[in-house]
Amino acid sequence: MKHAVISPASSAWWKVGAISGATAIMLGAFGAHALQRKVKDPKLQKNWETAAHYQLLHSVALLAVPLSKRPTVSGGLIAGGTLIFSGSLYALVLTNERKLGMITPIGGVALVAGWLALLL
């Protein structure tokens, strides 16, 4: 049976994934409690929930990145995509600047590319 060898550089993605996962939990809790007292628009509340959900999901994906053949590519796309996708939604909710929603699909495309890069 062949075992995967994880390089120290690749294992940095575990740290990125763990930090991202922890912040996703904190931001999700903030959205479920404190944010609901300040943001009354249900669509904005749902945007926050979506951002936290996608951040948490892709934090877990980052834990698999060290097992890929090209961790820098897949990890960079997943981490960058998460930052752009979730970050733009968080910013949209906090600022109510609707133009930020135009950035969100760019993050989504990067996330899809990151998943596909895991195959390379």
Protein backbone atom coordinates (compact mmCIF):
# COMPACT_ATOMS: atom_id res chain seq x y z
CA MET A 1 0.00 0.00 0.00
CA LYS A 2 1.39 3.36 -1.03
CA HIS A 3 1.27 6.14 1.56
CA ALA A 4 1.05 9.83 0.81
CA VAL A 5 4.05 11.88 1.85
CA ILE A 6 3.23 15.32 3.16
CA SER A 7 5.91 17.96 2.82
CA PRO A 8 6.26 20.69 5.47
CA ALA A 9 5.30 23.29 2.87
CA SER A 10 2.13 21.38 1.98
CA SER A 11 1.16 20.98 5.61
CA ALA A 12 0.83 24.77 5.81
CA TRP A 13 -2.50 24.24 4.04
CA TRP A 14 -3.73 22.34 7.11
CA LYS A 15 -3.02 25.45 9.18
CA VAL A 16 -4.78 27.69 6.66
CA GLY A 17 -7.76 25.31 6.64
CA ALA A 18 -7.89 25.13 10.43
CA ILE A 19 -7.74 28.91 10.84
CA SER A 20 -10.34 29.38 8.12
CA GLY A 21 -12.60 26.78 9.74
CA ALA A 22 -12.32 28.38 13.17
CA THR A 23 -13.13 31.83 11.78
CA ALA A 24 -16.06 30.37 9.80
CA ILE A 25 -17.54 29.02 13.03
CA MET A 26 -17.05 32.37 14.78
CA LEU A 27 -18.51 34.34 11.87
CA GLY A 28 -21.44 31.93 11.62
CA ALA A 29 -22.16 32.36 15.33
CA PHE A 30 -21.87 36.13 14.98
CA GLY A 31 -24.35 36.00 12.09
CA ALA A 32 -26.79 33.85 14.05
CA HIS A 33 -26.75 36.08 17.12
CA ALA A 34 -25.29 39.60 17.06
CA LEU A 35 -25.77 40.34 13.36
CA GLN A 36 -29.49 39.52 13.41
CA ARG A 37 -30.03 42.34 15.90
CA LYS A 38 -28.40 44.85 13.54
CA VAL A 39 -29.25 43.56 10.05
CA LYS A 40 -33.01 43.13 9.61
CA ASP A 41 -33.09 42.30 5.89
CA PRO A 42 -33.61 38.50 5.62
CA LYS A 43 -31.78 38.40 2.27
CA LEU A 44 -28.68 39.98 3.83
CA GLN A 45 -28.89 37.55 6.75
CA LYS A 46 -29.07 34.67 4.25
CA ASN A 47 -26.03 36.08 2.41
CA TRP A 48 -24.06 35.99 5.68
CA GLU A 49 -25.18 32.42 6.32
CA THR A 50 -24.14 31.41 2.79
CA ALA A 51 -20.73 33.05 3.25
CA ALA A 52 -20.09 31.21 6.52
CA HIS A 53 -21.34 27.91 5.07
CA TYR A 54 -19.09 28.12 2.01
CA GLN A 55 -16.13 29.22 4.13
CA LEU A 56 -16.55 26.24 6.44
CA LEU A 57 -17.02 23.78 3.58
CA HIS A 58 -13.92 24.99 1.78
CA SER A 59 -11.91 25.07 5.01
CA VAL A 60 -12.42 21.31 5.11
CA ALA A 61 -11.39 21.09 1.45
CA LEU A 62 -8.14 22.85 2.35
CA LEU A 63 -7.34 19.97 4.70
CA ALA A 64 -7.17 17.67 1.65
CA VAL A 65 -4.90 19.99 -0.33
CA PRO A 66 -1.63 18.49 1.02
CA LEU A 67 -2.65 15.16 -0.53
CA SER A 68 -2.89 16.64 -4.03
CA LYS A 69 -0.07 16.59 -6.57
CA ARG A 70 -0.09 20.37 -6.93
CA PRO A 71 -1.00 21.74 -3.50
CA THR A 72 0.06 25.30 -4.31
CA VAL A 73 -2.34 25.49 -7.25
CA SER A 74 -5.33 23.78 -5.65
CA GLY A 75 -4.77 25.41 -2.26
CA GLY A 76 -4.28 28.85 -3.73
CA LEU A 77 -7.45 28.59 -5.78
CA ILE A 78 -9.53 27.24 -2.90
CA ALA A 79 -8.18 29.71 -0.34
CA GLY A 80 -8.37 32.65 -2.74
CA GLY A 81 -11.80 31.63 -3.97
CA THR A 82 -13.06 31.36 -0.40
CA LEU A 83 -11.65 34.77 0.46
CA ILE A 84 -13.26 36.38 -2.58
CA PHE A 85 -16.58 34.50 -2.42
CA SER A 86 -17.23 34.62 1.31
CA GLY A 87 -15.35 37.86 1.88
CA SER A 88 -17.40 39.75 -0.69
CA LEU A 89 -20.63 38.47 0.87
CA TYR A 90 -19.51 39.42 4.39
CA ALA A 91 -18.55 42.88 3.13
CA LEU A 92 -21.84 43.25 1.23
CA VAL A 93 -23.82 42.50 4.38
CA LEU A 94 -21.77 44.84 6.59
CA THR A 95 -21.74 47.76 4.14
CA ASN A 96 -24.96 47.12 2.18
CA GLU A 97 -22.90 47.95 -0.92
CA ARG A 98 -24.68 45.84 -3.54
CA LYS A 99 -21.86 46.25 -6.08
CA LEU A 100 -19.77 43.88 -3.96
CA GLY A 101 -22.07 41.11 -5.13
CA MET A 102 -20.51 41.41 -8.58
CA ILE A 103 -17.23 40.09 -7.15
CA THR A 104 -18.77 36.98 -5.58
CA PRO A 105 -18.98 34.89 -8.79
CA ILE A 106 -15.24 35.38 -9.36
CA GLY A 107 -14.66 33.60 -6.06
CA GLY A 108 -17.09 30.89 -7.11
CA VAL A 109 -15.17 30.27 -10.33
CA ALA A 110 -11.91 30.06 -8.36
CA LEU A 111 -13.50 27.53 -6.00
CA VAL A 112 -14.62 25.32 -8.89
CA ALA A 113 -11.13 25.59 -10.41
CA GLY A 114 -9.62 24.66 -7.03
CA TRP A 115 -11.72 21.52 -6.81
CA LEU A 116 -10.74 20.57 -10.35
CA ALA A 117 -7.08 21.30 -9.57
CA LEU A 118 -7.24 18.60 -6.90
CA LEU A 119 -7.49 16.15 -9.82
CA LEU A 120 -4.28 17.32 -11.51
